[in-house]
């Protein structure tokens, strides 16, 4: 006798499995956040000079091209991940 699945039954199982995984990850994230609160202050304000503010904003608007070291690091990362 062959068992057949009703339409969408597999999807429900997949959703249940995914939600269990999310619950585990949520617990891990909650633990990390709790630990991080002891290490890092809740709020951090950095006051920039006018010059530093202009440099910061210009780099956000037009980021510099990657230098040789960054290109090499990116290539190494891709190679190791493949």
C-alpha atoms as a PDB file:
ATOM      1  CA  UNK A   1       0.000   0.000   0.000  1.00  0.00           C
ATOM      2  CA  UNK A   2       1.445   3.357  -1.034  1.00  0.00           C
ATOM      3  CA  UNK A   3       1.082   6.329   1.236  1.00  0.00           C
ATOM      4  CA  UNK A   4       0.316   9.591  -0.490  1.00  0.00           C
ATOM      5  CA  UNK A   5       0.733  13.033   0.924  1.00  0.00           C
ATOM      6  CA  UNK A   6      -2.005  15.540   0.882  1.00  0.00           C
ATOM      7  CA  UNK A   7      -1.225  18.742  -0.930  1.00  0.00           C
ATOM      8  CA  UNK A   8       0.765  21.146   1.273  1.00  0.00           C
ATOM      9  CA  UNK A   9       1.500  18.542   3.961  1.00  0.00           C
ATOM     10  CA  UNK A  10       5.237  18.587   3.222  1.00  0.00           C
ATOM     11  CA  UNK A  11       5.223  22.353   3.296  1.00  0.00           C
ATOM     12  CA  UNK A  12       3.699  22.365   6.773  1.00  0.00           C
ATOM     13  CA  UNK A  13       6.416  20.001   8.004  1.00  0.00           C
ATOM     14  CA  UNK A  14       9.066  22.217   6.464  1.00  0.00           C
ATOM     15  CA  UNK A  15       7.556  25.282   8.111  1.00  0.00           C
ATOM     16  CA  UNK A  16       7.452  23.530  11.491  1.00  0.00           C
ATOM     17  CA  UNK A  17      11.101  22.507  11.138  1.00  0.00           C
ATOM     18  CA  UNK A  18      12.100  26.000  10.121  1.00  0.00           C
ATOM     19  CA  UNK A  19      10.257  27.556  13.038  1.00  0.00           C
ATOM     20  CA  UNK A  20      12.027  25.215  15.460  1.00  0.00           C
ATOM     21  CA  UNK A  21      15.369  26.256  13.962  1.00  0.00           C
ATOM     22  CA  UNK A  22      14.382  29.908  14.269  1.00  0.00           C
ATOM     23  CA  UNK A  23      13.469  29.403  17.911  1.00  0.00           C
ATOM     24  CA  UNK A  24      16.894  27.910  18.602  1.00  0.00           C
ATOM     25  CA  UNK A  25      18.623  30.745  16.752  1.00  0.00           C
ATOM     26  CA  UNK A  26      16.493  33.297  18.615  1.00  0.00           C
ATOM     27  CA  UNK A  27      17.694  31.815  21.886  1.00  0.00           C
ATOM     28  CA  UNK A  28      21.305  31.979  20.758  1.00  0.00           C
ATOM     29  CA  UNK A  29      20.894  35.562  19.605  1.00  0.00           C
ATOM     30  CA  UNK A  30      19.245  36.517  22.889  1.00  0.00           C
ATOM     31  CA  UNK A  31      22.207  35.060  24.795  1.00  0.00           C
ATOM     32  CA  UNK A  32      24.686  36.929  22.602  1.00  0.00           C
ATOM     33  CA  UNK A  33      22.798  40.194  23.022  1.00  0.00           C
ATOM     34  CA  UNK A  34      22.643  39.778  26.788  1.00  0.00           C
ATOM     35  CA  UNK A  35      26.394  39.130  26.915  1.00  0.00           C
ATOM     36  CA  UNK A  36      27.140  42.026  24.580  1.00  0.00           C
ATOM     37  CA  UNK A  37      25.208  44.447  26.772  1.00  0.00           C
ATOM     38  CA  UNK A  38      27.792  43.904  29.492  1.00  0.00           C
ATOM     39  CA  UNK A  39      30.674  44.568  27.135  1.00  0.00           C
ATOM     40  CA  UNK A  40      29.340  47.413  24.986  1.00  0.00           C
ATOM     41  CA  UNK A  41      27.541  50.509  26.198  1.00  0.00           C
ATOM     42  CA  UNK A  42      23.911  50.826  25.109  1.00  0.00           C
ATOM     43  CA  UNK A  43      24.487  54.083  23.339  1.00  0.00           C
ATOM     44  CA  UNK A  44      27.609  55.548  21.864  1.00  0.00           C
ATOM     45  CA  UNK A  45      27.860  59.019  20.442  1.00  0.00           C
ATOM     46  CA  UNK A  46      30.920  60.183  18.573  1.00  0.00           C
ATOM     47  CA  UNK A  47      31.298  63.892  18.068  1.00  0.00           C
ATOM     48  CA  UNK A  48      33.072  64.737  14.831  1.00  0.00           C
ATOM     49  CA  UNK A  49      34.795  67.915  13.842  1.00  0.00           C
ATOM     50  CA  UNK A  50      33.453  69.683  10.754  1.00  0.00           C
ATOM     51  CA  UNK A  51      36.319  68.312   8.697  1.00  0.00           C
ATOM     52  CA  UNK A  52      35.807  64.728   9.912  1.00  0.00           C
ATOM     53  CA  UNK A  53      32.063  64.980   9.301  1.00  0.00           C
ATOM     54  CA  UNK A  54      32.661  66.124   5.710  1.00  0.00           C
ATOM     55  CA  UNK A  55      35.126  63.275   5.088  1.00  0.00           C
ATOM     56  CA  UNK A  56      32.749  60.718   6.608  1.00  0.00           C
ATOM     57  CA  UNK A  57      29.749  61.879   4.572  1.00  0.00           C
ATOM     58  CA  UNK A  58      31.754  62.090   1.341  1.00  0.00           C
ATOM     59  CA  UNK A  59      32.961  58.497   1.843  1.00  0.00           C
ATOM     60  CA  UNK A  60      29.376  57.338   2.348  1.00  0.00           C
ATOM     61  CA  UNK A  61      28.266  59.107  -0.820  1.00  0.00           C
ATOM     62  CA  UNK A  62      31.196  57.943  -2.934  1.00  0.00           C
ATOM     63  CA  UNK A  63      33.201  55.097  -1.373  1.00  0.00           C
ATOM     64  CA  UNK A  64      36.842  54.810  -2.434  1.00  0.00           C
ATOM     65  CA  UNK A  65      37.893  52.070  -4.848  1.00  0.00           C
ATOM     66  CA  UNK A  66      39.325  48.950  -3.169  1.00  0.00           C
ATOM     67  CA  UNK A  67      43.111  48.935  -2.910  1.00  0.00           C
ATOM     68  CA  UNK A  68      45.336  45.985  -3.816  1.00  0.00           C
ATOM     69  CA  UNK A  69      45.304  44.530  -0.290  1.00  0.00           C
ATOM     70  CA  UNK A  70      41.492  44.522  -0.181  1.00  0.00           C
ATOM     71  CA  UNK A  71      41.222  42.936  -3.646  1.00  0.00           C
ATOM     72  CA  UNK A  72      43.709  40.251  -2.598  1.00  0.00           C
ATOM     73  CA  UNK A  73      41.814  39.579   0.647  1.00  0.00           C
ATOM     74  CA  UNK A  74      38.554  39.291  -1.314  1.00  0.00           C
ATOM     75  CA  UNK A  75      40.089  36.817  -3.759  1.00  0.00           C
ATOM     76  CA  UNK A  76      41.478  34.733  -0.891  1.00  0.00           C
ATOM     77  CA  UNK A  77      38.080  34.744   0.824  1.00  0.00           C
ATOM     78  CA  UNK A  78      36.305  33.597  -2.365  1.00  0.00           C
ATOM     79  CA  UNK A  79      38.874  30.844  -2.931  1.00  0.00           C
ATOM     80  CA  UNK A  80      38.520  29.516   0.625  1.00  0.00           C
ATOM     81  CA  UNK A  81      34.707  29.628   0.527  1.00  0.00           C
ATOM     82  CA  UNK A  82      34.495  27.707  -2.772  1.00  0.00           C
END
